[in-house]
Amino acid sequence: MAPSLDTLAGVGLSTYRGCTHAQKRLVLHAYWSRRVTESEQITRAAREYGPYALVMIGFITVELAIVSIALATDGDRWAWIAVLATAFSALATWWTEVCRRATTRRLPAGAHAVAASD
């Protein structure tokens, strides 16, 4: 039996999968906007989501790069669209990493109040 994507990426999305639809929206909003949330569950789910998002966007970027190279090599007139899509995907990969790092550095919910009082 082949390993699952979660095992390959070293990611577990158990907290995210346990969230309701409304909570999942909050997780995605907290992750992509890099905003701090008071809910420990939302913060934990956003931390779990980060590596998964980075792996997925990375795969898409690699696939688009391969298509871009193939189209450019053949001299296809549509190669410029593939190159633009690859550049956009590379930018999305960078932003995903920025968001992942910001989410990883966040203090657990409530910890900022303790740190501020010290």
PDB file of N, CA and C in Angstrom:
ATOM      1  N   MET A   1       0.845  -1.179   0.000  1.00  0.00           N
ATOM      2  CA  MET A   1       0.000   0.000   0.000  1.00  0.00           C
ATOM      3  C   MET A   1       0.893   1.246   0.000  1.00  0.00           C
ATOM      4  N   ALA A   2       0.591   2.191  -0.865  1.00  0.00           N
ATOM      5  CA  ALA A   2       1.379   3.418  -0.989  1.00  0.00           C
ATOM      6  C   ALA A   2       1.110   4.336   0.203  1.00  0.00           C
ATOM      7  N   PRO A   3       2.137   5.058   0.652  1.00  0.00           N
ATOM      8  CA  PRO A   3       1.923   5.986   1.759  1.00  0.00           C
ATOM      9  C   PRO A   3       1.038   7.150   1.336  1.00  0.00           C
ATOM     10  N   SER A   4       0.330   7.695   2.304  1.00  0.00           N
ATOM     11  CA  SER A   4      -0.547   8.825   2.006  1.00  0.00           C
ATOM     12  C   SER A   4       0.279  10.096   1.829  1.00  0.00           C
ATOM     13  N   LEU A   5      -0.344  11.111   1.269  1.00  0.00           N
ATOM     14  CA  LEU A   5       0.332  12.401   1.080  1.00  0.00           C
ATOM     15  C   LEU A   5       0.742  12.989   2.422  1.00  0.00           C
ATOM     16  N   ASP A   6      -0.106  12.819   3.451  1.00  0.00           N
ATOM     17  CA  ASP A   6       0.224  13.340   4.771  1.00  0.00           C
ATOM     18  C   ASP A   6       1.512  12.724   5.300  1.00  0.00           C
ATOM     19  N   THR A   7       1.696  11.414   5.057  1.00  0.00           N
ATOM     20  CA  THR A   7       2.904  10.736   5.518  1.00  0.00           C
ATOM     21  C   THR A   7       4.118  11.216   4.735  1.00  0.00           C
ATOM     22  N   LEU A   8       3.966  11.371   3.412  1.00  0.00           N
ATOM     23  CA  LEU A   8       5.084  11.818   2.581  1.00  0.00           C
ATOM     24  C   LEU A   8       5.529  13.226   2.947  1.00  0.00           C
ATOM     25  N   ALA A   9       4.580  14.085   3.199  1.00  0.00           N
ATOM     26  CA  ALA A   9       4.906  15.475   3.492  1.00  0.00           C
ATOM     27  C   ALA A   9       5.278  15.666   4.959  1.00  0.00           C
ATOM     28  N   GLY A  10       5.096  14.645   5.781  1.00  0.00           N
ATOM     29  CA  GLY A  10       5.393  14.775   7.200  1.00  0.00           C
ATOM     30  C   GLY A  10       4.407  15.693   7.899  1.00  0.00           C
ATOM     31  N   VAL A  11       3.192  15.731   7.402  1.00  0.00           N
ATOM     32  CA  VAL A  11       2.193  16.644   7.926  1.00  0.00           C
ATOM     33  C   VAL A  11       1.005  15.846   8.432  1.00  0.00           C
ATOM     34  N   GLY A  12       0.412  16.333   9.484  1.00  0.00           N
ATOM     35  CA  GLY A  12      -0.837  15.770   9.953  1.00  0.00           C
ATOM     36  C   GLY A  12      -1.853  16.890  10.017  1.00  0.00           C
ATOM     37  N   LEU A  13      -2.986  16.652   9.450  1.00  0.00           N
ATOM     38  CA  LEU A  13      -4.011  17.687   9.437  1.00  0.00           C
ATOM     39  C   LEU A  13      -5.157  17.322  10.375  1.00  0.00           C
ATOM     40  N   SER A  14      -4.857  16.624  11.451  1.00  0.00           N
ATOM     41  CA  SER A  14      -5.918  16.141  12.333  1.00  0.00           C
ATOM     42  C   SER A  14      -6.722  17.276  12.956  1.00  0.00           C
ATOM     43  N   THR A  15      -6.073  18.331  13.398  1.00  0.00           N
ATOM     44  CA  THR A  15      -6.800  19.460  13.984  1.00  0.00           C
ATOM     45  C   THR A  15      -7.644  20.144  12.926  1.00  0.00           C
ATOM     46  N   TYR A  16      -7.081  20.366  11.755  1.00  0.00           N
ATOM     47  CA  TYR A  16      -7.814  21.014  10.660  1.00  0.00           C
ATOM     48  C   TYR A  16      -9.012  20.174  10.250  1.00  0.00           C
ATOM     49  N   ARG A  17      -8.828  18.871  10.129  1.00  0.00           N
ATOM     50  CA  ARG A  17      -9.929  17.994   9.729  1.00  0.00           C
ATOM     51  C   ARG A  17     -11.023  17.943  10.784  1.00  0.00           C
ATOM     52  N   GLY A  18     -10.677  18.173  12.033  1.00  0.00           N
ATOM     53  CA  GLY A  18     -11.656  18.170  13.111  1.00  0.00           C
ATOM     54  C   GLY A  18     -12.448  19.461  13.233  1.00  0.00           C
ATOM     55  N   CYS A  19     -12.089  20.464  12.440  1.00  0.00           N
ATOM     56  CA  CYS A  19     -12.777  21.757  12.501  1.00  0.00           C
ATOM     57  C   CYS A  19     -14.085  21.725  11.713  1.00  0.00           C
ATOM     58  N   THR A  20     -15.017  22.557  12.132  1.00  0.00           N
ATOM     59  CA  THR A  20     -16.253  22.736  11.376  1.00  0.00           C
ATOM     60  C   THR A  20     -15.933  23.558  10.128  1.00  0.00           C
ATOM     61  N   HIS A  21     -16.904  23.666   9.236  1.00  0.00           N
ATOM     62  CA  HIS A  21     -16.697  24.448   8.010  1.00  0.00           C
ATOM     63  C   HIS A  21     -16.355  25.905   8.342  1.00  0.00           C
ATOM     64  N   ALA A  22     -17.062  26.472   9.298  1.00  0.00           N
ATOM     65  CA  ALA A  22     -16.804  27.870   9.686  1.00  0.00           C
ATOM     66  C   ALA A  22     -15.406  28.014  10.285  1.00  0.00           C
ATOM     67  N   GLN A  23     -14.980  27.038  11.082  1.00  0.00           N
ATOM     68  CA  GLN A  23     -13.640  27.092  11.670  1.00  0.00           C
ATOM     69  C   GLN A  23     -12.563  26.940  10.596  1.00  0.00           C
ATOM     70  N   LYS A  24     -12.825  26.101   9.602  1.00  0.00           N
ATOM     71  CA  LYS A  24     -11.855  25.939   8.518  1.00  0.00           C
ATOM     72  C   LYS A  24     -11.670  27.254   7.754  1.00  0.00           C
ATOM     73  N   ARG A  25     -12.751  27.979   7.579  1.00  0.00           N
ATOM     74  CA  ARG A  25     -12.646  29.297   6.937  1.00  0.00           C
ATOM     75  C   ARG A  25     -11.782  30.228   7.785  1.00  0.00           C
ATOM     76  N   LEU A  26     -11.952  30.172   9.108  1.00  0.00           N
ATOM     77  CA  LEU A  26     -11.128  30.995  10.005  1.00  0.00           C
ATOM     78  C   LEU A  26      -9.662  30.579   9.947  1.00  0.00           C
ATOM     79  N   VAL A  27      -9.421  29.281   9.848  1.00  0.00           N
ATOM     80  CA  VAL A  27      -8.049  28.776   9.743  1.00  0.00           C
ATOM     81  C   VAL A  27      -7.392  29.324   8.474  1.00  0.00           C
ATOM     82  N   LEU A  28      -8.087  29.213   7.351  1.00  0.00           N
ATOM     83  CA  LEU A  28      -7.529  29.692   6.084  1.00  0.00           C
ATOM     84  C   LEU A  28      -7.318  31.200   6.113  1.00  0.00           C
ATOM     85  N   HIS A  29      -8.266  31.914   6.703  1.00  0.00           N
ATOM     86  CA  HIS A  29      -8.120  33.368   6.806  1.00  0.00           C
ATOM     87  C   HIS A  29      -6.926  33.728   7.702  1.00  0.00           C
ATOM     88  N   ALA A  30      -6.802  33.041   8.827  1.00  0.00           N
ATOM     89  CA  ALA A  30      -5.681  33.315   9.735  1.00  0.00           C
ATOM     90  C   ALA A  30      -4.350  32.976   9.077  1.00  0.00           C
ATOM     91  N   TYR A  31      -4.305  31.884   8.322  1.00  0.00           N
ATOM     92  CA  TYR A  31      -3.054  31.477   7.681  1.00  0.00           C
ATOM     93  C   TYR A  31      -2.657  32.441   6.561  1.00  0.00           C
ATOM     94  N   TRP A  32      -3.556  32.672   5.610  1.00  0.00           N
ATOM     95  CA  TRP A  32      -3.196  33.457   4.435  1.00  0.00           C
ATOM     96  C   TRP A  32      -3.066  34.940   4.727  1.00  0.00           C
ATOM     97  N   SER A  33      -3.732  35.438   5.772  1.00  0.00           N
ATOM     98  CA  SER A  33      -3.599  36.863   6.096  1.00  0.00           C
ATOM     99  C   SER A  33      -2.509  37.103   7.135  1.00  0.00           C
ATOM    100  N   ARG A  34      -1.993  36.030   7.715  1.00  0.00           N
ATOM    101  CA  ARG A  34      -0.955  36.074   8.753  1.00  0.00           C
ATOM    102  C   ARG A  34      -1.439  36.809  10.004  1.00  0.00           C
ATOM    103  N   ARG A  35      -2.728  36.792  10.251  1.00  0.00           N
ATOM    104  CA  ARG A  35      -3.291  37.443  11.434  1.00  0.00           C
ATOM    105  C   ARG A  35      -3.290  36.495  12.611  1.00  0.00           C
ATOM    106  N   VAL A  36      -3.113  37.061  13.778  1.00  0.00           N
ATOM    107  CA  VAL A  36      -3.119  36.284  15.014  1.00  0.00           C
ATOM    108  C   VAL A  36      -4.568  36.067  15.430  1.00  0.00           C
ATOM    109  N   THR A  37      -4.858  34.873  15.870  1.00  0.00           N
ATOM    110  CA  THR A  37      -6.194  34.547  16.342  1.00  0.00           C
ATOM    111  C   THR A  37      -6.115  34.138  17.812  1.00  0.00           C
ATOM    112  N   GLU A  38      -7.169  34.347  18.539  1.00  0.00           N
ATOM    113  CA  GLU A  38      -7.199  34.015  19.962  1.00  0.00           C
ATOM    114  C   GLU A  38      -7.452  32.536  20.207  1.00  0.00           C
ATOM    115  N   SER A  39      -7.968  31.827  19.215  1.00  0.00           N
ATOM    116  CA  SER A  39      -8.308  30.419  19.381  1.00  0.00           C
ATOM    117  C   SER A  39      -7.075  29.542  19.181  1.00  0.00           C
ATOM    118  N   GLU A  40      -6.762  28.763  20.184  1.00  0.00           N
ATOM    119  CA  GLU A  40      -5.622  27.841  20.093  1.00  0.00           C
ATOM    120  C   GLU A  40      -5.869  26.791  19.008  1.00  0.00           C
ATOM    121  N   GLN A  41      -7.112  26.336  18.869  1.00  0.00           N
ATOM    122  CA  GLN A  41      -7.438  25.332  17.859  1.00  0.00           C
ATOM    123  C   GLN A  41      -7.204  25.889  16.452  1.00  0.00           C
ATOM    124  N   ILE A  42      -7.612  27.121  16.222  1.00  0.00           N
ATOM    125  CA  ILE A  42      -7.426  27.743  14.904  1.00  0.00           C
ATOM    126  C   ILE A  42      -5.937  27.921  14.625  1.00  0.00           C
ATOM    127  N   THR A  43      -5.180  28.366  15.621  1.00  0.00           N
ATOM    128  CA  THR A  43      -3.735  28.549  15.460  1.00  0.00           C
ATOM    129  C   THR A  43      -3.046  27.217  15.183  1.00  0.00           C
ATOM    130  N   ARG A  44      -3.409  26.178  15.929  1.00  0.00           N
ATOM    131  CA  ARG A  44      -2.812  24.850  15.738  1.00  0.00           C
ATOM    132  C   ARG A  44      -3.153  24.311  14.347  1.00  0.00           C
ATOM    133  N   ALA A  45      -4.405  24.481  13.919  1.00  0.00           N
ATOM    134  CA  ALA A  45      -4.807  24.014  12.594  1.00  0.00           C
ATOM    135  C   ALA A  45      -4.068  24.782  11.495  1.00  0.00           C
ATOM    136  N   ALA A  46      -3.859  26.081  11.692  1.00  0.00           N
ATOM    137  CA  ALA A  46      -3.111  26.876  10.708  1.00  0.00           C
ATOM    138  C   ALA A  46      -1.659  26.414  10.631  1.00  0.00           C
ATOM    139  N   ARG A  47      -1.081  26.051  11.765  1.00  0.00           N
ATOM    140  CA  ARG A  47       0.302  25.522  11.765  1.00  0.00           C
ATOM    141  C   ARG A  47       0.370  24.203  11.013  1.00  0.00           C
ATOM    142  N   GLU A  48      -0.641  23.363  11.174  1.00  0.00           N
ATOM    143  CA  GLU A  48      -0.671  22.083  10.459  1.00  0.00           C
ATOM    144  C   GLU A  48      -0.871  22.302   8.955  1.00  0.00           C
ATOM    145  N   TYR A  49      -1.666  23.281   8.606  1.00  0.00           N
ATOM    146  CA  TYR A  49      -2.004  23.550   7.206  1.00  0.00           C
ATOM    147  C   TYR A  49      -0.812  24.085   6.411  1.00  0.00           C
ATOM    148  N   GLY A  50       0.076  24.814   7.058  1.00  0.00           N
ATOM    149  CA  GLY A  50       1.192  25.468   6.379  1.00  0.00           C
ATOM    150  C   GLY A  50       2.068  24.560   5.544  1.00  0.00           C
ATOM    151  N   PRO A  51       2.655  23.513   6.119  1.00  0.00           N
ATOM    152  CA  PRO A  51       3.508  22.636   5.308  1.00  0.00           C
ATOM    153  C   PRO A  51       2.745  21.951   4.176  1.00  0.00           C
ATOM    154  N   TYR A  52       1.498  21.587   4.443  1.00  0.00           N
ATOM    155  CA  TYR A  52       0.665  20.958   3.412  1.00  0.00           C
ATOM    156  C   TYR A  52       0.476  21.919   2.237  1.00  0.00           C
ATOM    157  N   ALA A  53       0.150  23.163   2.534  1.00  0.00           N
ATOM    158  CA  ALA A  53      -0.042  24.164   1.479  1.00  0.00           C
ATOM    159  C   ALA A  53       1.249  24.379   0.694  1.00  0.00           C
ATOM    160  N   LEU A  54       2.375  24.421   1.394  1.00  0.00           N
ATOM    161  CA  LEU A  54       3.661  24.641   0.726  1.00  0.00           C
ATOM    162  C   LEU A  54       3.987  23.491  -0.222  1.00  0.00           C
ATOM    163  N   VAL A  55       3.750  22.263   0.199  1.00  0.00           N
ATOM    164  CA  VAL A  55       4.021  21.101  -0.652  1.00  0.00           C
ATOM    165  C   VAL A  55       3.117  21.133  -1.889  1.00  0.00           C
ATOM    166  N   MET A  56       1.841  21.433  -1.694  1.00  0.00           N
ATOM    167  CA  MET A  56       0.907  21.457  -2.826  1.00  0.00           C
ATOM    168  C   MET A  56       1.270  22.554  -3.839  1.00  0.00           C
ATOM    169  N   ILE A  57       1.530  23.763  -3.356  1.00  0.00           N
ATOM    170  CA  ILE A  57       1.900  24.858  -4.252  1.00  0.00           C
ATOM    171  C   ILE A  57       3.243  24.553  -4.926  1.00  0.00           C
ATOM    172  N   GLY A  58       4.153  23.927  -4.201  1.00  0.00           N
ATOM    173  CA  GLY A  58       5.439  23.539  -4.778  1.00  0.00           C
ATOM    174  C   GLY A  58       5.282  22.549  -5.926  1.00  0.00           C
ATOM    175  N   PHE A  59       4.413  21.546  -5.735  1.00  0.00           N
ATOM    176  CA  PHE A  59       4.148  20.579  -6.810  1.00  0.00           C
ATOM    177  C   PHE A  59       3.572  21.273  -8.043  1.00  0.00           C
ATOM    178  N   ILE A  60       2.643  22.179  -7.827  1.00  0.00           N
ATOM    179  CA  ILE A  60       2.031  22.899  -8.946  1.00  0.00           C
ATOM    180  C   ILE A  60       3.085  23.715  -9.695  1.00  0.00           C
ATOM    181  N   THR A  61       3.984  24.364  -8.953  1.00  0.00           N
ATOM    182  CA  THR A  61       5.035  25.164  -9.577  1.00  0.00           C
ATOM    183  C   THR A  61       5.959  24.298 -10.427  1.00  0.00           C
ATOM    184  N   VAL A  62       6.342  23.152  -9.911  1.00  0.00           N
ATOM    185  CA  VAL A  62       7.220  22.242 -10.660  1.00  0.00           C
ATOM    186  C   VAL A  62       6.517  21.756 -11.927  1.00  0.00           C
ATOM    187  N   GLU A  63       5.248  21.386 -11.800  1.00  0.00           N
ATOM    188  CA  GLU A  63       4.503  20.927 -12.979  1.00  0.00           C
ATOM    189  C   GLU A  63       4.419  22.025 -14.042  1.00  0.00           C
ATOM    190  N   LEU A  64       4.124  23.247 -13.620  1.00  0.00           N
ATOM    191  CA  LEU A  64       4.045  24.350 -14.574  1.00  0.00           C
ATOM    192  C   LEU A  64       5.401  24.649 -15.207  1.00  0.00           C
ATOM    193  N   ALA A  65       6.464  24.503 -14.441  1.00  0.00           N
ATOM    194  CA  ALA A  65       7.800  24.721 -15.003  1.00  0.00           C
ATOM    195  C   ALA A  65       8.103  23.691 -16.093  1.00  0.00           C
ATOM    196  N   ILE A  66       7.710  22.450 -15.852  1.00  0.00           N
ATOM    197  CA  ILE A  66       7.926  21.400 -16.854  1.00  0.00           C
ATOM    198  C   ILE A  66       7.131  21.702 -18.126  1.00  0.00           C
ATOM    199  N   VAL A  67       5.882  22.118 -17.965  1.00  0.00           N
ATOM    200  CA  VAL A  67       5.053  22.474 -19.127  1.00  0.00           C
ATOM    201  C   VAL A  67       5.659  23.668 -19.854  1.00  0.00           C
ATOM    202  N   SER A  68       6.124  24.663 -19.110  1.00  0.00           N
ATOM    203  CA  SER A  68       6.739  25.848 -19.728  1.00  0.00           C
ATOM    204  C   SER A  68       7.958  25.467 -20.554  1.00  0.00           C
ATOM    205  N   ILE A  69       8.803  24.621 -20.004  1.00  0.00           N
ATOM    206  CA  ILE A  69      10.005  24.183 -20.710  1.00  0.00           C
ATOM    207  C   ILE A  69       9.632  23.411 -21.972  1.00  0.00           C
ATOM    208  N   ALA A  70       8.652  22.523 -21.845  1.00  0.00           N
ATOM    209  CA  ALA A  70       8.236  21.726 -23.002  1.00  0.00           C
ATOM    210  C   ALA A  70       7.669  22.619 -24.106  1.00  0.00           C
ATOM    211  N   LEU A  71       6.835  23.570 -23.741  1.00  0.00           N
ATOM    212  CA  LEU A  71       6.249  24.464 -24.746  1.00  0.00           C
ATOM    213  C   LEU A  71       7.303  25.379 -25.372  1.00  0.00           C
ATOM    214  N   ALA A  72       8.209  25.893 -24.556  1.00  0.00           N
ATOM    215  CA  ALA A  72       9.250  26.778 -25.077  1.00  0.00           C
ATOM    216  C   ALA A  72      10.207  26.011 -25.987  1.00  0.00           C
ATOM    217  N   THR A  73      10.510  24.782 -25.636  1.00  0.00           N
ATOM    218  CA  THR A  73      11.404  23.953 -26.451  1.00  0.00           C
ATOM    219  C   THR A  73      10.797  23.681 -27.823  1.00  0.00           C
ATOM    220  N   ASP A  74       9.484  23.461 -27.852  1.00  0.00           N
ATOM    221  CA  ASP A  74       8.802  23.201 -29.122  1.00  0.00           C
ATOM    222  C   ASP A  74       8.532  24.478 -29.907  1.00  0.00           C
ATOM    223  N   GLY A  75       8.811  25.624 -29.314  1.00  0.00           N
ATOM    224  CA  GLY A  75       8.568  26.889 -29.985  1.00  0.00           C
ATOM    225  C   GLY A  75       7.078  27.209 -30.098  1.00  0.00           C
ATOM    226  N   ASP A  76       6.298  26.677 -29.205  1.00  0.00           N
ATOM    227  CA  ASP A  76       4.849  26.896 -29.216  1.00  0.00           C
ATOM    228  C   ASP A  76       4.542  28.351 -28.886  1.00  0.00           C
ATOM    229  N   ARG A  77       3.581  28.917 -29.580  1.00  0.00           N
ATOM    230  CA  ARG A  77       3.241  30.329 -29.351  1.00  0.00           C
ATOM    231  C   ARG A  77       2.533  30.560 -28.021  1.00  0.00           C
ATOM    232  N   TRP A  78       2.071  29.509 -27.389  1.00  0.00           N
ATOM    233  CA  TRP A  78       1.390  29.625 -26.092  1.00  0.00           C
ATOM    234  C   TRP A  78       2.369  29.488 -24.919  1.00  0.00           C
ATOM    235  N   ALA A  79       3.629  29.351 -25.190  1.00  0.00           N
ATOM    236  CA  ALA A  79       4.623  29.170 -24.127  1.00  0.00           C
ATOM    237  C   ALA A  79       4.639  30.343 -23.151  1.00  0.00           C
ATOM    238  N   TRP A  80       4.379  31.546 -23.629  1.00  0.00           N
ATOM    239  CA  TRP A  80       4.418  32.718 -22.747  1.00  0.00           C
ATOM    240  C   TRP A  80       3.356  32.629 -21.659  1.00  0.00           C
ATOM    241  N   ILE A  81       2.209  32.020 -21.964  1.00  0.00           N
ATOM    242  CA  ILE A  81       1.175  31.855 -20.936  1.00  0.00           C
ATOM    243  C   ILE A  81       1.675  30.899 -19.853  1.00  0.00           C
ATOM    244  N   ALA A  82       2.313  29.834 -20.265  1.00  0.00           N
ATOM    245  CA  ALA A  82       2.852  28.876 -19.301  1.00  0.00           C
ATOM    246  C   ALA A  82       3.950  29.511 -18.458  1.00  0.00           C
ATOM    247  N   VAL A  83       4.769  30.344 -19.072  1.00  0.00           N
ATOM    248  CA  VAL A  83       5.836  31.024 -18.328  1.00  0.00           C
ATOM    249  C   VAL A  83       5.238  31.992 -17.304  1.00  0.00           C
ATOM    250  N   LEU A  84       4.204  32.737 -17.697  1.00  0.00           N
ATOM    251  CA  LEU A  84       3.530  33.635 -16.751  1.00  0.00           C
ATOM    252  C   LEU A  84       2.880  32.853 -15.616  1.00  0.00           C
ATOM    253  N   ALA A  85       2.251  31.739 -15.942  1.00  0.00           N
ATOM    254  CA  ALA A  85       1.628  30.905 -14.909  1.00  0.00           C
ATOM    255  C   ALA A  85       2.680  30.355 -13.957  1.00  0.00           C
ATOM    256  N   THR A  86       3.831  29.978 -14.495  1.00  0.00           N
ATOM    257  CA  THR A  86       4.920  29.476 -13.647  1.00  0.00           C
ATOM    258  C   THR A  86       5.439  30.581 -12.738  1.00  0.00           C
ATOM    259  N   ALA A  87       5.589  31.781 -13.262  1.00  0.00           N
ATOM    260  CA  ALA A  87       6.052  32.911 -12.443  1.00  0.00           C
ATOM    261  C   ALA A  87       5.046  33.223 -11.343  1.00  0.00           C
ATOM    262  N   PHE A  88       3.770  33.223 -11.678  1.00  0.00           N
ATOM    263  CA  PHE A  88       2.731  33.468 -10.677  1.00  0.00           C
ATOM    264  C   PHE A  88       2.742  32.376  -9.611  1.00  0.00           C
ATOM    265  N   SER A  89       2.908  31.138 -10.037  1.00  0.00           N
ATOM    266  CA  SER A  89       2.956  30.019  -9.093  1.00  0.00           C
ATOM    267  C   SER A  89       4.193  30.109  -8.199  1.00  0.00           C
ATOM    268  N   ALA A  90       5.311  30.563  -8.751  1.00  0.00           N
ATOM    269  CA  ALA A  90       6.519  30.747  -7.938  1.00  0.00           C
ATOM    270  C   ALA A  90       6.297  31.846  -6.899  1.00  0.00           C
ATOM    271  N   LEU A  91       5.612  32.902  -7.290  1.00  0.00           N
ATOM    272  CA  LEU A  91       5.259  33.961  -6.342  1.00  0.00           C
ATOM    273  C   LEU A  91       4.332  33.425  -5.252  1.00  0.00           C
ATOM    274  N   ALA A  92       3.377  32.590  -5.638  1.00  0.00           N
ATOM    275  CA  ALA A  92       2.472  31.977  -4.663  1.00  0.00           C
ATOM    276  C   ALA A  92       3.229  31.049  -3.710  1.00  0.00           C
ATOM    277  N   THR A  93       4.232  30.359  -4.229  1.00  0.00           N
ATOM    278  CA  THR A  93       5.054  29.496  -3.375  1.00  0.00           C
ATOM    279  C   THR A  93       5.814  30.333  -2.349  1.00  0.00           C
ATOM    280  N   TRP A  94       6.372  31.451  -2.789  1.00  0.00           N
ATOM    281  CA  TRP A  94       7.071  32.350  -1.866  1.00  0.00           C
ATOM    282  C   TRP A  94       6.110  32.865  -0.795  1.00  0.00           C
ATOM    283  N   TRP A  95       4.913  33.304  -1.197  1.00  0.00           N
ATOM    284  CA  TRP A  95       3.949  33.831  -0.226  1.00  0.00           C
ATOM    285  C   TRP A  95       3.506  32.739   0.752  1.00  0.00           C
ATOM    286  N   THR A  96       3.362  31.520   0.271  1.00  0.00           N
ATOM    287  CA  THR A  96       2.998  30.406   1.145  1.00  0.00           C
ATOM    288  C   THR A  96       4.069  30.195   2.199  1.00  0.00           C
ATOM    289  N   GLU A  97       5.328  30.292   1.808  1.00  0.00           N
ATOM    290  CA  GLU A  97       6.428  30.143   2.765  1.00  0.00           C
ATOM    291  C   GLU A  97       6.430  31.300   3.763  1.00  0.00           C
ATOM    292  N   VAL A  98       6.171  32.509   3.309  1.00  0.00           N
ATOM    293  CA  VAL A  98       6.086  33.666   4.218  1.00  0.00           C
ATOM    294  C   VAL A  98       4.983  33.432   5.253  1.00  0.00           C
ATOM    295  N   CYS A  99       3.833  32.994   4.792  1.00  0.00           N
ATOM    296  CA  CYS A  99       2.713  32.737   5.708  1.00  0.00           C
ATOM    297  C   CYS A  99       3.029  31.588   6.653  1.00  0.00           C
ATOM    298  N   ARG A 100       3.681  30.540   6.154  1.00  0.00           N
ATOM    299  CA  ARG A 100       4.033  29.396   7.005  1.00  0.00           C
ATOM    300  C   ARG A 100       4.986  29.825   8.111  1.00  0.00           C
ATOM    301  N   ARG A 101       5.993  30.624   7.757  1.00  0.00           N
ATOM    302  CA  ARG A 101       6.937  31.100   8.778  1.00  0.00           C
ATOM    303  C   ARG A 101       6.257  31.990   9.805  1.00  0.00           C
ATOM    304  N   ALA A 102       5.368  32.864   9.343  1.00  0.00           N
ATOM    305  CA  ALA A 102       4.645  33.747  10.269  1.00  0.00           C
ATOM    306  C   ALA A 102       3.765  32.932  11.205  1.00  0.00           C
ATOM    307  N   THR A 103       3.125  31.906  10.687  1.00  0.00           N
ATOM    308  CA  THR A 103       2.257  31.062  11.504  1.00  0.00           C
ATOM    309  C   THR A 103       3.075  30.256  12.497  1.00  0.00           C
ATOM    310  N   THR A 104       4.230  29.783  12.085  1.00  0.00           N
ATOM    311  CA  THR A 104       5.080  28.983  12.962  1.00  0.00           C
ATOM    312  C   THR A 104       5.630  29.819  14.115  1.00  0.00           C
ATOM    313  N   ARG A 105       5.891  31.098  13.867  1.00  0.00           N
ATOM    314  CA  ARG A 105       6.457  31.972  14.897  1.00  0.00           C
ATOM    315  C   ARG A 105       5.430  32.502  15.883  1.00  0.00           C
ATOM    316  N   ARG A 106       4.159  32.314  15.589  1.00  0.00           N
ATOM    317  CA  ARG A 106       3.130  32.850  16.485  1.00  0.00           C
ATOM    318  C   ARG A 106       3.193  32.201  17.849  1.00  0.00           C
ATOM    319  N   LEU A 107       2.939  33.031  18.841  1.00  0.00           N
ATOM    320  CA  LEU A 107       2.832  32.508  20.195  1.00  0.00           C
ATOM    321  C   LEU A 107       1.502  31.787  20.347  1.00  0.00           C
ATOM    322  N   PRO A 108       1.446  30.760  21.198  1.00  0.00           N
ATOM    323  CA  PRO A 108       0.160  30.121  21.446  1.00  0.00           C
ATOM    324  C   PRO A 108      -0.837  31.132  21.981  1.00  0.00           C
ATOM    325  N   ALA A 109      -2.115  30.869  21.761  1.00  0.00           N
ATOM    326  CA  ALA A 109      -3.158  31.787  22.221  1.00  0.00           C
ATOM    327  C   ALA A 109      -3.017  32.040  23.720  1.00  0.00           C
ATOM    328  N   GLY A 110      -3.076  33.273  24.128  1.00  0.00           N
ATOM    329  CA  GLY A 110      -2.956  33.629  25.530  1.00  0.00           C
ATOM    330  C   GLY A 110      -1.522  33.891  25.977  1.00  0.00           C
ATOM    331  N   ALA A 111      -0.549  33.389  25.233  1.00  0.00           N
ATOM    332  CA  ALA A 111       0.844  33.543  25.630  1.00  0.00           C
ATOM    333  C   ALA A 111       1.305  34.981  25.456  1.00  0.00           C
ATOM    334  N   HIS A 112       0.726  35.704  24.499  1.00  0.00           N
ATOM    335  CA  HIS A 112       1.136  37.085  24.295  1.00  0.00           C
ATOM    336  C   HIS A 112       0.763  37.950  25.498  1.00  0.00           C
ATOM    337  N   ALA A 113      -0.299  37.614  26.170  1.00  0.00           N
ATOM    338  CA  ALA A 113      -0.715  38.373  27.359  1.00  0.00           C
ATOM    339  C   ALA A 113       0.279  38.114  28.495  1.00  0.00           C
ATOM    340  N   VAL A 114       0.749  36.862  28.628  1.00  0.00           N
ATOM    341  CA  VAL A 114       1.723  36.526  29.662  1.00  0.00           C
ATOM    342  C   VAL A 114       3.049  37.169  29.341  1.00  0.00           C
ATOM    343  N   ALA A 115       3.467  37.117  28.057  1.00  0.00           N
ATOM    344  CA  ALA A 115       4.746  37.706  27.657  1.00  0.00           C
ATOM    345  C   ALA A 115       4.735  39.219  27.851  1.00  0.00           C
ATOM    346  N   ALA A 116       3.618  39.849  27.617  1.00  0.00           N
ATOM    347  CA  ALA A 116       3.523  41.302  27.755  1.00  0.00           C
ATOM    348  C   ALA A 116       3.593  41.737  29.217  1.00  0.00           C
ATOM    349  N   SER A 117       3.143  40.865  30.119  1.00  0.00           N
ATOM    350  CA  SER A 117       3.155  41.228  31.541  1.00  0.00           C
ATOM    351  C   SER A 117       4.521  41.029  32.172  1.00  0.00           C
ATOM    352  N   ASP A 118       5.417  40.321  31.514  1.00  0.00           N
ATOM    353  CA  ASP A 118       6.759  40.073  32.080  1.00  0.00           C
ATOM    354  C   ASP A 118       7.650  41.274  32.006  1.00  0.00           C
TER     355      ASP A 118
END
